[in-house]
């Protein structure tokens, strides 16, 4: 259980922060950038939930919880030492990726195939889903970059990759099952 009885600690006043294993790194480290972008995505998703109905709202709540799991995963380095730890860290697992895939397939089954790229927009929820999609893609790029420097849970990368696809399809669902999608018209303004 997490207990936060004092919000400021002053331990980061010199530009460092603690990771999940207790080690300290610069606040501009790639690991902090990666999980910070996941936190930004979660906050963006919280705004999207304001526009969601009960079914979509429940799914978004589940994703928000997963994003906290993902942040916990990314803030704990040295995945190769997990077996040695007294308390194994929280890691994204394949079943979370599988759930996203199943939800994408279920949502996509309701939609007509796309015959054009779509522009972000339509309903307020659809527009927010597209913002979430682009922040998820940035988080994925950050995690992939981190993986070139340090060990990263491969399921974390898969999760973010599927999640951006999930947001794309959810955006179409939020646009009256794709009927209110805003289609791109190439060269329309030449």
N, C-alpha and C. Protein backbone atom coordinates (compact mmCIF):
# COMPACT_ATOMS: atom_id res chain seq x y z
N UNK A 1 0.84 -1.17 0.00
CA UNK A 1 0.00 0.00 0.00
C UNK A 1 0.89 1.24 0.00
N UNK A 2 0.53 2.19 -0.81
CA UNK A 2 1.24 3.45 -0.89
C UNK A 2 0.60 4.43 0.09
N UNK A 3 1.43 5.10 0.86
CA UNK A 3 0.95 6.12 1.78
C UNK A 3 1.68 7.42 1.42
N UNK A 4 0.91 8.43 1.06
CA UNK A 4 1.47 9.73 0.71
C UNK A 4 0.94 10.76 1.69
N UNK A 5 1.64 10.92 2.81
CA UNK A 5 1.16 11.88 3.80
C UNK A 5 1.86 13.22 3.67
N UNK A 6 2.97 13.25 2.93
CA UNK A 6 3.66 14.51 2.66
C UNK A 6 3.99 14.50 1.17
N UNK A 7 3.50 15.49 0.45
CA UNK A 7 3.64 15.49 -1.01
C UNK A 7 5.01 15.97 -1.44
N UNK A 8 5.55 16.98 -0.81
CA UNK A 8 6.88 17.43 -1.23
C UNK A 8 7.94 16.84 -0.29
N UNK A 9 9.05 16.43 -0.88
CA UNK A 9 10.13 15.81 -0.10
C UNK A 9 11.42 16.60 -0.16
N UNK A 10 11.55 17.46 -1.16
CA UNK A 10 12.75 18.27 -1.40
C UNK A 10 13.93 17.43 -1.89
N UNK A 11 13.74 16.12 -2.06
CA UNK A 11 14.85 15.28 -2.50
C UNK A 11 15.19 15.47 -3.97
N UNK A 12 14.31 16.10 -4.72
CA UNK A 12 14.57 16.34 -6.13
C UNK A 12 15.02 17.75 -6.45
N UNK A 13 15.32 18.52 -5.41
CA UNK A 13 15.67 19.93 -5.61
C UNK A 13 16.96 20.15 -6.39
N UNK A 14 17.76 19.12 -6.54
CA UNK A 14 19.03 19.27 -7.26
C UNK A 14 19.01 18.53 -8.59
N UNK A 15 17.80 18.26 -9.09
CA UNK A 15 17.68 17.69 -10.43
C UNK A 15 17.78 16.19 -10.52
N UNK A 16 17.63 15.50 -9.41
CA UNK A 16 17.64 14.04 -9.43
C UNK A 16 16.33 13.52 -8.86
N UNK A 17 16.03 12.27 -9.19
CA UNK A 17 14.83 11.62 -8.67
C UNK A 17 15.15 10.16 -8.37
N UNK A 18 14.35 9.55 -7.53
CA UNK A 18 14.55 8.15 -7.17
C UNK A 18 13.75 7.25 -8.10
N UNK A 19 14.36 6.15 -8.48
CA UNK A 19 13.66 5.12 -9.26
C UNK A 19 13.05 4.10 -8.32
N UNK A 20 12.32 3.15 -8.88
CA UNK A 20 11.62 2.14 -8.09
C UNK A 20 12.52 1.25 -7.27
N UNK A 21 13.79 1.14 -7.67
CA UNK A 21 14.73 0.30 -6.91
C UNK A 21 15.54 1.12 -5.90
N UNK A 22 15.21 2.41 -5.77
CA UNK A 22 15.90 3.26 -4.82
C UNK A 22 17.09 4.01 -5.40
N UNK A 23 17.56 3.62 -6.57
CA UNK A 23 18.67 4.34 -7.18
C UNK A 23 18.21 5.73 -7.62
N UNK A 24 19.16 6.63 -7.77
CA UNK A 24 18.84 8.01 -8.15
C UNK A 24 19.42 8.29 -9.52
N UNK A 25 18.63 9.04 -10.31
CA UNK A 25 19.07 9.42 -11.66
C UNK A 25 18.67 10.87 -11.90
N UNK A 26 19.28 11.44 -12.93
CA UNK A 26 18.91 12.81 -13.32
C UNK A 26 17.47 12.81 -13.81
N UNK A 27 16.77 13.89 -13.50
CA UNK A 27 15.37 14.00 -13.93
C UNK A 27 15.22 14.03 -15.44
N UNK A 28 16.31 14.33 -16.15
CA UNK A 28 16.24 14.35 -17.61
C UNK A 28 16.69 13.01 -18.23
N UNK A 29 16.88 11.99 -17.41
CA UNK A 29 17.30 10.69 -17.96
C UNK A 29 16.20 10.13 -18.86
N UNK A 30 16.59 9.28 -19.78
CA UNK A 30 15.62 8.71 -20.72
C UNK A 30 14.57 7.87 -20.00
N UNK A 31 14.95 7.21 -18.93
CA UNK A 31 13.98 6.40 -18.17
C UNK A 31 12.90 7.30 -17.58
N UNK A 32 13.29 8.42 -16.99
CA UNK A 32 12.32 9.34 -16.41
C UNK A 32 11.46 9.97 -17.51
N UNK A 33 12.08 10.27 -18.65
CA UNK A 33 11.32 10.80 -19.79
C UNK A 33 10.28 9.79 -20.24
N UNK A 34 10.66 8.51 -20.28
CA UNK A 34 9.73 7.46 -20.74
C UNK A 34 8.54 7.33 -19.80
N UNK A 35 8.79 7.16 -18.51
CA UNK A 35 7.62 7.00 -17.63
C UNK A 35 6.90 8.31 -17.39
N UNK A 36 7.58 9.43 -17.57
CA UNK A 36 6.90 10.73 -17.49
C UNK A 36 5.91 10.92 -18.63
N UNK A 37 6.28 10.42 -19.81
CA UNK A 37 5.36 10.52 -20.95
C UNK A 37 4.17 9.58 -20.76
N UNK A 38 4.38 8.44 -20.13
CA UNK A 38 3.27 7.55 -19.79
C UNK A 38 2.34 8.24 -18.80
N UNK A 39 2.89 8.98 -17.85
CA UNK A 39 2.08 9.74 -16.90
C UNK A 39 1.28 10.82 -17.63
N UNK A 40 1.92 11.49 -18.59
CA UNK A 40 1.22 12.50 -19.39
C UNK A 40 0.07 11.86 -20.15
N UNK A 41 0.30 10.68 -20.71
CA UNK A 41 -0.76 9.97 -21.42
C UNK A 41 -1.91 9.66 -20.47
N UNK A 42 -1.61 9.25 -19.26
CA UNK A 42 -2.66 8.92 -18.30
C UNK A 42 -3.49 10.17 -17.96
N UNK A 43 -2.83 11.31 -17.81
CA UNK A 43 -3.55 12.55 -17.53
C UNK A 43 -4.43 12.95 -18.72
N UNK A 44 -3.91 12.77 -19.92
CA UNK A 44 -4.68 13.06 -21.13
C UNK A 44 -5.90 12.15 -21.22
N UNK A 45 -5.71 10.91 -20.84
CA UNK A 45 -6.80 9.94 -20.85
C UNK A 45 -7.86 10.32 -19.80
N UNK A 46 -7.42 10.86 -18.69
CA UNK A 46 -8.38 11.33 -17.68
C UNK A 46 -9.30 12.40 -18.24
N UNK A 47 -8.76 13.28 -19.05
CA UNK A 47 -9.58 14.30 -19.71
C UNK A 47 -10.56 13.64 -20.70
N UNK A 48 -10.09 12.67 -21.44
CA UNK A 48 -10.96 11.97 -22.40
C UNK A 48 -12.14 11.31 -21.70
N UNK A 49 -11.92 10.79 -20.51
CA UNK A 49 -12.99 10.11 -19.78
C UNK A 49 -14.16 11.03 -19.48
N UNK A 50 -13.92 12.33 -19.46
CA UNK A 50 -15.02 13.28 -19.23
C UNK A 50 -16.09 13.18 -20.32
N UNK A 51 -15.71 12.72 -21.49
CA UNK A 51 -16.61 12.66 -22.64
C UNK A 51 -17.14 11.26 -22.91
N UNK A 52 -16.74 10.29 -22.11
CA UNK A 52 -17.08 8.90 -22.38
C UNK A 52 -18.34 8.47 -21.64
N UNK A 53 -19.09 7.57 -22.28
CA UNK A 53 -20.23 6.95 -21.62
C UNK A 53 -19.75 5.83 -20.71
N UNK A 54 -20.69 5.07 -20.19
CA UNK A 54 -20.36 4.04 -19.21
C UNK A 54 -19.46 2.94 -19.76
N UNK A 55 -19.78 2.38 -20.93
CA UNK A 55 -18.98 1.27 -21.47
C UNK A 55 -17.57 1.73 -21.81
N UNK A 56 -17.46 2.80 -22.59
CA UNK A 56 -16.15 3.31 -22.96
C UNK A 56 -15.42 3.83 -21.73
N UNK A 57 -16.14 4.44 -20.82
CA UNK A 57 -15.53 4.94 -19.58
C UNK A 57 -14.90 3.82 -18.77
N UNK A 58 -15.57 2.68 -18.71
CA UNK A 58 -15.01 1.53 -17.98
C UNK A 58 -13.73 1.03 -18.65
N UNK A 59 -13.74 0.98 -19.97
CA UNK A 59 -12.54 0.55 -20.69
C UNK A 59 -11.40 1.54 -20.46
N UNK A 60 -11.71 2.83 -20.51
CA UNK A 60 -10.68 3.84 -20.29
C UNK A 60 -10.12 3.76 -18.87
N UNK A 61 -10.97 3.46 -17.91
CA UNK A 61 -10.52 3.29 -16.53
C UNK A 61 -9.53 2.13 -16.42
N UNK A 62 -9.82 1.03 -17.12
CA UNK A 62 -8.93 -0.11 -17.12
C UNK A 62 -7.58 0.27 -17.72
N UNK A 63 -7.61 1.02 -18.82
CA UNK A 63 -6.36 1.45 -19.45
C UNK A 63 -5.59 2.37 -18.51
N UNK A 64 -6.28 3.28 -17.82
CA UNK A 64 -5.58 4.15 -16.88
C UNK A 64 -4.86 3.35 -15.81
N UNK A 65 -5.51 2.32 -15.30
CA UNK A 65 -4.86 1.48 -14.30
C UNK A 65 -3.64 0.79 -14.90
N UNK A 66 -3.77 0.28 -16.13
CA UNK A 66 -2.62 -0.33 -16.82
C UNK A 66 -1.48 0.66 -16.96
N UNK A 67 -1.81 1.93 -17.23
CA UNK A 67 -0.75 2.92 -17.41
C UNK A 67 0.01 3.16 -16.11
N UNK A 68 -0.66 3.03 -14.96
CA UNK A 68 0.08 3.10 -13.70
C UNK A 68 0.98 1.88 -13.56
N UNK A 69 0.48 0.70 -13.97
CA UNK A 69 1.33 -0.49 -13.98
C UNK A 69 2.56 -0.27 -14.86
N UNK A 70 2.32 0.32 -16.03
CA UNK A 70 3.41 0.57 -16.96
C UNK A 70 4.42 1.56 -16.37
N UNK A 71 3.94 2.60 -15.71
CA UNK A 71 4.85 3.54 -15.07
C UNK A 71 5.69 2.86 -13.99
N UNK A 72 5.06 1.98 -13.21
CA UNK A 72 5.79 1.23 -12.18
C UNK A 72 6.84 0.33 -12.83
N UNK A 73 6.48 -0.29 -13.94
CA UNK A 73 7.40 -1.14 -14.68
C UNK A 73 8.62 -0.33 -15.14
N UNK A 74 8.35 0.81 -15.78
CA UNK A 74 9.43 1.60 -16.36
C UNK A 74 10.31 2.29 -15.31
N UNK A 75 9.76 2.56 -14.13
CA UNK A 75 10.58 3.24 -13.12
C UNK A 75 11.45 2.27 -12.34
N UNK A 76 11.34 0.98 -12.63
CA UNK A 76 12.19 0.00 -11.95
C UNK A 76 13.15 -0.60 -12.98
N UNK A 77 14.42 -0.17 -12.94
CA UNK A 77 15.39 -0.64 -13.93
C UNK A 77 15.88 -2.05 -13.64
N UNK A 78 16.73 -2.51 -14.52
CA UNK A 78 17.42 -3.80 -14.37
C UNK A 78 16.45 -4.97 -14.32
N UNK A 79 15.68 -5.12 -15.38
CA UNK A 79 14.70 -6.21 -15.45
C UNK A 79 15.37 -7.57 -15.28
N UNK A 80 16.63 -7.66 -15.69
CA UNK A 80 17.35 -8.94 -15.58
C UNK A 80 17.59 -9.34 -14.12
N UNK A 81 17.43 -8.42 -13.16
CA UNK A 81 17.62 -8.72 -11.74
C UNK A 81 16.31 -9.03 -11.02
N UNK A 82 15.20 -9.08 -11.76
CA UNK A 82 13.90 -9.28 -11.11
C UNK A 82 13.86 -10.55 -10.27
N UNK A 83 14.45 -11.64 -10.73
CA UNK A 83 14.40 -12.92 -10.00
C UNK A 83 15.15 -12.84 -8.68
N UNK A 84 16.11 -11.94 -8.58
CA UNK A 84 16.91 -11.80 -7.36
C UNK A 84 16.25 -10.92 -6.31
N UNK A 85 15.25 -10.15 -6.70
CA UNK A 85 14.66 -9.17 -5.79
C UNK A 85 13.76 -9.86 -4.75
N UNK A 86 13.77 -9.32 -3.56
CA UNK A 86 12.91 -9.85 -2.49
C UNK A 86 11.45 -9.70 -2.88
N UNK A 87 11.11 -8.55 -3.47
CA UNK A 87 9.75 -8.29 -3.93
C UNK A 87 9.82 -8.00 -5.42
N UNK A 88 9.35 -8.93 -6.24
CA UNK A 88 9.42 -8.69 -7.70
C UNK A 88 8.64 -7.44 -8.08
N UNK A 89 9.21 -6.61 -8.94
CA UNK A 89 8.51 -5.39 -9.34
C UNK A 89 7.31 -5.69 -10.23
N UNK A 90 6.41 -4.75 -10.28
CA UNK A 90 5.24 -4.85 -11.14
C UNK A 90 5.70 -4.68 -12.59
N UNK A 91 5.35 -5.59 -13.45
CA UNK A 91 5.70 -5.53 -14.86
C UNK A 91 4.44 -5.72 -15.70
N UNK A 92 4.40 -5.07 -16.85
CA UNK A 92 3.34 -5.33 -17.83
C UNK A 92 3.50 -6.77 -18.29
N UNK A 93 2.38 -7.49 -18.44
CA UNK A 93 2.42 -8.90 -18.84
C UNK A 93 1.64 -9.09 -20.14
N UNK A 94 1.89 -10.22 -20.78
CA UNK A 94 1.30 -10.52 -22.09
C UNK A 94 -0.23 -10.46 -22.06
N UNK A 95 -0.84 -10.85 -20.94
CA UNK A 95 -2.31 -10.85 -20.90
C UNK A 95 -2.88 -9.43 -21.03
N UNK A 96 -2.14 -8.43 -20.61
CA UNK A 96 -2.61 -7.05 -20.78
C UNK A 96 -2.57 -6.65 -22.26
N UNK A 97 -1.54 -7.09 -22.96
CA UNK A 97 -1.46 -6.85 -24.41
C UNK A 97 -2.56 -7.62 -25.12
N UNK A 98 -2.77 -8.88 -24.71
CA UNK A 98 -3.82 -9.71 -25.32
C UNK A 98 -5.20 -9.08 -25.14
N UNK A 99 -5.45 -8.50 -23.95
CA UNK A 99 -6.74 -7.86 -23.71
C UNK A 99 -6.96 -6.70 -24.67
N UNK A 100 -5.91 -5.88 -24.88
CA UNK A 100 -6.03 -4.77 -25.83
C UNK A 100 -6.35 -5.29 -27.22
N UNK A 101 -5.66 -6.35 -27.64
CA UNK A 101 -5.91 -6.91 -28.97
C UNK A 101 -7.35 -7.40 -29.11
N UNK A 102 -7.86 -8.06 -28.08
CA UNK A 102 -9.24 -8.55 -28.12
C UNK A 102 -10.22 -7.39 -28.19
N UNK A 103 -9.95 -6.33 -27.44
CA UNK A 103 -10.83 -5.16 -27.47
C UNK A 103 -10.76 -4.45 -28.81
N UNK A 104 -9.57 -4.36 -29.39
CA UNK A 104 -9.43 -3.76 -30.73
C UNK A 104 -10.26 -4.55 -31.73
N UNK A 105 -10.12 -5.87 -31.69
CA UNK A 105 -10.87 -6.73 -32.64
C UNK A 105 -12.37 -6.56 -32.45
N UNK A 106 -12.83 -6.50 -31.20
CA UNK A 106 -14.27 -6.35 -30.95
C UNK A 106 -14.78 -5.00 -31.44
N UNK A 107 -14.03 -3.94 -31.17
CA UNK A 107 -14.45 -2.61 -31.64
C UNK A 107 -14.41 -2.54 -33.16
N UNK A 108 -13.35 -3.07 -33.73
CA UNK A 108 -13.16 -2.98 -35.18
C UNK A 108 -14.24 -3.76 -35.94
N UNK A 109 -14.77 -4.81 -35.32
CA UNK A 109 -15.82 -5.61 -35.97
C UNK A 109 -17.08 -4.77 -36.22
N UNK A 110 -17.27 -3.71 -35.46
CA UNK A 110 -18.44 -2.83 -35.63
C UNK A 110 -18.25 -1.80 -36.74
N UNK A 111 -17.05 -1.67 -37.26
CA UNK A 111 -16.71 -0.57 -38.16
C UNK A 111 -16.61 -1.03 -39.61
N UNK A 112 -16.99 -0.14 -40.51
CA UNK A 112 -16.74 -0.36 -41.93
C UNK A 112 -15.24 -0.15 -42.18
N UNK A 113 -14.67 -0.88 -43.13
CA UNK A 113 -13.25 -0.68 -43.43
C UNK A 113 -13.00 0.76 -43.91
N UNK A 114 -11.84 1.27 -43.56
CA UNK A 114 -11.47 2.61 -44.01
C UNK A 114 -11.08 2.59 -45.49
N UNK A 115 -11.49 3.62 -46.22
CA UNK A 115 -11.12 3.76 -47.63
C UNK A 115 -10.29 5.04 -47.82
N UNK A 116 -10.00 5.70 -46.70
CA UNK A 116 -9.20 6.92 -46.69
C UNK A 116 -8.60 7.05 -45.30
N UNK A 117 -7.53 7.82 -45.20
CA UNK A 117 -7.06 8.18 -43.86
C UNK A 117 -8.09 9.12 -43.26
N UNK A 118 -8.13 9.15 -41.92
CA UNK A 118 -9.07 10.06 -41.28
C UNK A 118 -8.30 11.16 -40.55
N UNK A 119 -8.96 12.30 -40.45
CA UNK A 119 -8.39 13.42 -39.72
C UNK A 119 -8.83 13.32 -38.26
N UNK A 120 -7.95 13.67 -37.34
CA UNK A 120 -8.36 13.67 -35.93
C UNK A 120 -9.51 14.66 -35.72
N UNK A 121 -10.57 14.21 -35.14
CA UNK A 121 -11.70 15.10 -34.89
C UNK A 121 -13.00 14.34 -34.87
N UNK A 122 -14.06 15.07 -35.11
CA UNK A 122 -15.40 14.52 -35.01
C UNK A 122 -15.98 14.90 -33.67
N UNK A 123 -16.31 13.92 -32.85
CA UNK A 123 -16.85 14.21 -31.52
C UNK A 123 -15.71 14.61 -30.57
N UNK A 124 -16.09 15.18 -29.45
CA UNK A 124 -15.09 15.56 -28.44
C UNK A 124 -14.30 14.33 -27.98
N UNK A 125 -14.98 13.20 -27.76
CA UNK A 125 -14.28 11.99 -27.32
C UNK A 125 -13.34 11.49 -28.41
N UNK A 126 -13.79 11.50 -29.65
CA UNK A 126 -12.92 11.04 -30.74
C UNK A 126 -11.67 11.90 -30.83
N UNK A 127 -11.84 13.22 -30.71
CA UNK A 127 -10.68 14.12 -30.76
C UNK A 127 -9.71 13.81 -29.62
N UNK A 128 -10.25 13.55 -28.43
CA UNK A 128 -9.40 13.20 -27.29
C UNK A 128 -8.70 11.86 -27.51
N UNK A 129 -9.39 10.91 -28.13
CA UNK A 129 -8.77 9.61 -28.40
C UNK A 129 -7.56 9.79 -29.34
N UNK A 130 -7.68 10.71 -30.28
CA UNK A 130 -6.55 10.96 -31.19
C UNK A 130 -5.40 11.64 -30.47
N UNK A 131 -5.70 12.52 -29.52
CA UNK A 131 -4.62 13.10 -28.71
C UNK A 131 -3.95 11.99 -27.91
N UNK A 132 -4.74 11.12 -27.30
CA UNK A 132 -4.18 9.99 -26.55
C UNK A 132 -3.33 9.10 -27.47
N UNK A 133 -3.80 8.88 -28.68
CA UNK A 133 -3.05 8.05 -29.64
C UNK A 133 -1.68 8.64 -29.91
N UNK A 134 -1.62 9.96 -30.13
CA UNK A 134 -0.33 10.56 -30.47
C UNK A 134 0.61 10.59 -29.26
N UNK A 135 0.06 10.80 -28.06
CA UNK A 135 0.90 10.77 -26.87
C UNK A 135 1.38 9.33 -26.62
N UNK A 136 0.53 8.34 -26.88
CA UNK A 136 0.94 6.94 -26.75
C UNK A 136 2.08 6.61 -27.71
N UNK A 137 2.00 7.13 -28.93
CA UNK A 137 3.09 6.91 -29.90
C UNK A 137 4.39 7.55 -29.41
N UNK A 138 4.30 8.75 -28.83
CA UNK A 138 5.50 9.39 -28.31
C UNK A 138 6.07 8.58 -27.14
N UNK A 139 5.19 8.10 -26.26
CA UNK A 139 5.65 7.26 -25.14
C UNK A 139 6.33 6.02 -25.69
N UNK A 140 5.76 5.42 -26.72
CA UNK A 140 6.37 4.23 -27.32
C UNK A 140 7.76 4.57 -27.87
N UNK A 141 7.89 5.68 -28.57
CA UNK A 141 9.21 6.08 -29.10
C UNK A 141 10.21 6.27 -27.96
N UNK A 142 9.76 6.88 -26.86
CA UNK A 142 10.65 7.08 -25.72
C UNK A 142 11.09 5.76 -25.10
N UNK A 143 10.16 4.83 -24.97
CA UNK A 143 10.50 3.53 -24.38
C UNK A 143 11.43 2.75 -25.31
N UNK A 144 11.18 2.82 -26.61
CA UNK A 144 12.06 2.15 -27.57
C UNK A 144 13.46 2.75 -27.51
N UNK A 145 13.55 4.08 -27.40
CA UNK A 145 14.86 4.72 -27.26
C UNK A 145 15.54 4.27 -25.97
N UNK A 146 14.79 4.23 -24.87
CA UNK A 146 15.34 3.74 -23.60
C UNK A 146 15.88 2.33 -23.76
N UNK A 147 15.18 1.50 -24.51
CA UNK A 147 15.60 0.10 -24.69
C UNK A 147 16.92 -0.02 -25.45
N UNK A 148 17.34 1.02 -26.16
CA UNK A 148 18.65 1.00 -26.81
C UNK A 148 19.77 1.28 -25.82
N UNK A 149 19.41 1.76 -24.62
CA UNK A 149 20.40 2.13 -23.61
C UNK A 149 20.40 1.21 -22.40
N UNK A 150 19.21 0.74 -22.03
CA UNK A 150 19.04 -0.06 -20.81
C UNK A 150 18.02 -1.16 -21.07
N UNK A 151 17.97 -2.13 -20.17
CA UNK A 151 16.98 -3.20 -20.32
C UNK A 151 15.58 -2.67 -20.06
N UNK A 152 14.65 -3.12 -20.90
CA UNK A 152 13.24 -2.73 -20.80
C UNK A 152 12.40 -3.99 -21.02
N UNK A 153 11.34 -4.10 -20.30
CA UNK A 153 10.40 -5.19 -20.46
C UNK A 153 9.81 -5.15 -21.88
N UNK A 154 10.02 -6.19 -22.69
CA UNK A 154 9.48 -6.16 -24.06
C UNK A 154 7.95 -6.04 -24.10
N UNK A 155 7.27 -6.53 -23.09
CA UNK A 155 5.81 -6.42 -23.06
C UNK A 155 5.38 -4.96 -22.91
N UNK A 156 6.22 -4.13 -22.30
CA UNK A 156 5.90 -2.70 -22.17
C UNK A 156 5.86 -2.05 -23.54
N UNK A 157 6.80 -2.40 -24.40
CA UNK A 157 6.83 -1.84 -25.76
C UNK A 157 5.60 -2.33 -26.53
N UNK A 158 5.31 -3.61 -26.43
CA UNK A 158 4.13 -4.17 -27.13
C UNK A 158 2.85 -3.49 -26.64
N UNK A 159 2.76 -3.29 -25.33
CA UNK A 159 1.55 -2.67 -24.78
C UNK A 159 1.33 -1.29 -25.39
N UNK A 160 2.36 -0.47 -25.41
CA UNK A 160 2.21 0.87 -25.97
C UNK A 160 1.89 0.84 -27.46
N UNK A 161 2.48 -0.10 -28.17
CA UNK A 161 2.20 -0.22 -29.60
C UNK A 161 0.72 -0.56 -29.83
N UNK A 162 0.21 -1.51 -29.09
CA UNK A 162 -1.20 -1.88 -29.22
C UNK A 162 -2.12 -0.77 -28.73
N UNK A 163 -1.68 -0.08 -27.67
CA UNK A 163 -2.53 0.95 -27.09
C UNK A 163 -2.80 2.09 -28.07
N UNK A 164 -1.80 2.48 -28.83
CA UNK A 164 -2.05 3.56 -29.80
C UNK A 164 -3.05 3.09 -30.86
N UNK A 165 -2.97 1.82 -31.25
CA UNK A 165 -3.97 1.27 -32.18
C UNK A 165 -5.35 1.25 -31.52
N UNK A 166 -5.38 0.89 -30.24
CA UNK A 166 -6.63 0.85 -29.49
C UNK A 166 -7.28 2.24 -29.50
N UNK A 167 -6.49 3.28 -29.25
CA UNK A 167 -7.03 4.65 -29.25
C UNK A 167 -7.56 5.03 -30.63
N UNK A 168 -6.88 4.61 -31.69
CA UNK A 168 -7.35 4.91 -33.04
C UNK A 168 -8.73 4.31 -33.27
N UNK A 169 -8.88 3.04 -32.95
CA UNK A 169 -10.16 2.36 -33.17
C UNK A 169 -11.23 2.92 -32.22
N UNK A 170 -10.85 3.21 -30.98
CA UNK A 170 -11.81 3.80 -30.03
C UNK A 170 -12.27 5.17 -30.53
N UNK A 171 -11.39 5.91 -31.18
CA UNK A 171 -11.78 7.20 -31.75
C UNK A 171 -12.83 7.03 -32.84
N UNK A 172 -12.69 5.98 -33.62
CA UNK A 172 -13.70 5.72 -34.65
C UNK A 172 -15.02 5.31 -34.00
N UNK A 173 -14.97 4.50 -32.96
CA UNK A 173 -16.19 4.12 -32.23
C UNK A 173 -16.87 5.38 -31.69
N UNK A 174 -16.06 6.31 -31.15
CA UNK A 174 -16.61 7.55 -30.59
C UNK A 174 -17.20 8.45 -31.67
N UNK A 175 -16.88 8.20 -32.92
CA UNK A 175 -17.45 8.94 -34.04
C UNK A 175 -18.62 8.16 -34.65
N UNK A 176 -19.56 7.77 -33.81
CA UNK A 176 -20.75 7.06 -34.28
C UNK A 176 -20.36 5.84 -35.10
N UNK A 177 -19.50 5.02 -34.51
CA UNK A 177 -19.01 3.80 -35.17
C UNK A 177 -18.42 4.09 -36.55
N UNK A 178 -17.70 5.19 -36.65
CA UNK A 178 -17.02 5.55 -37.89
C UNK A 178 -17.83 6.37 -38.85
N UNK A 179 -19.14 6.48 -38.63
CA UNK A 179 -19.99 7.22 -39.57
C UNK A 179 -19.71 8.72 -39.54
N UNK A 180 -19.17 9.22 -38.44
CA UNK A 180 -18.86 10.65 -38.33
C UNK A 180 -17.35 10.92 -38.46
N UNK A 181 -16.60 9.91 -38.94
CA UNK A 181 -15.17 10.13 -39.17
C UNK A 181 -14.97 11.27 -40.16
N UNK A 182 -13.94 12.04 -39.94
CA UNK A 182 -13.59 13.14 -40.83
C UNK A 182 -12.52 12.60 -41.78
N UNK A 183 -12.87 12.45 -43.05
CA UNK A 183 -11.96 11.83 -44.01
C UNK A 183 -10.97 12.84 -44.58
N UNK A 184 -9.76 12.38 -44.78
CA UNK A 184 -8.73 13.18 -45.44
C UNK A 184 -9.01 13.16 -46.94
N UNK A 185 -8.95 14.34 -47.55
CA UNK A 185 -9.10 14.46 -49.00
C UNK A 185 -7.76 14.96 -49.53
N UNK A 186 -6.94 14.06 -50.08
CA UNK A 186 -5.60 14.46 -50.52
C UNK A 186 -5.64 15.61 -51.53
N UNK A 187 -4.86 16.63 -51.29
CA UNK A 187 -4.74 17.75 -52.21
C UNK A 187 -5.98 18.61 -52.33
N UNK A 188 -6.91 18.51 -51.40
CA UNK A 188 -8.19 19.22 -51.51
C UNK A 188 -8.04 20.73 -51.55
N UNK A 189 -6.98 21.25 -51.00
CA UNK A 189 -6.85 22.71 -50.88
C UNK A 189 -5.77 23.28 -51.82
N UNK A 190 -5.42 22.56 -52.85
CA UNK A 190 -4.42 23.07 -53.80
C UNK A 190 -4.99 24.19 -54.65
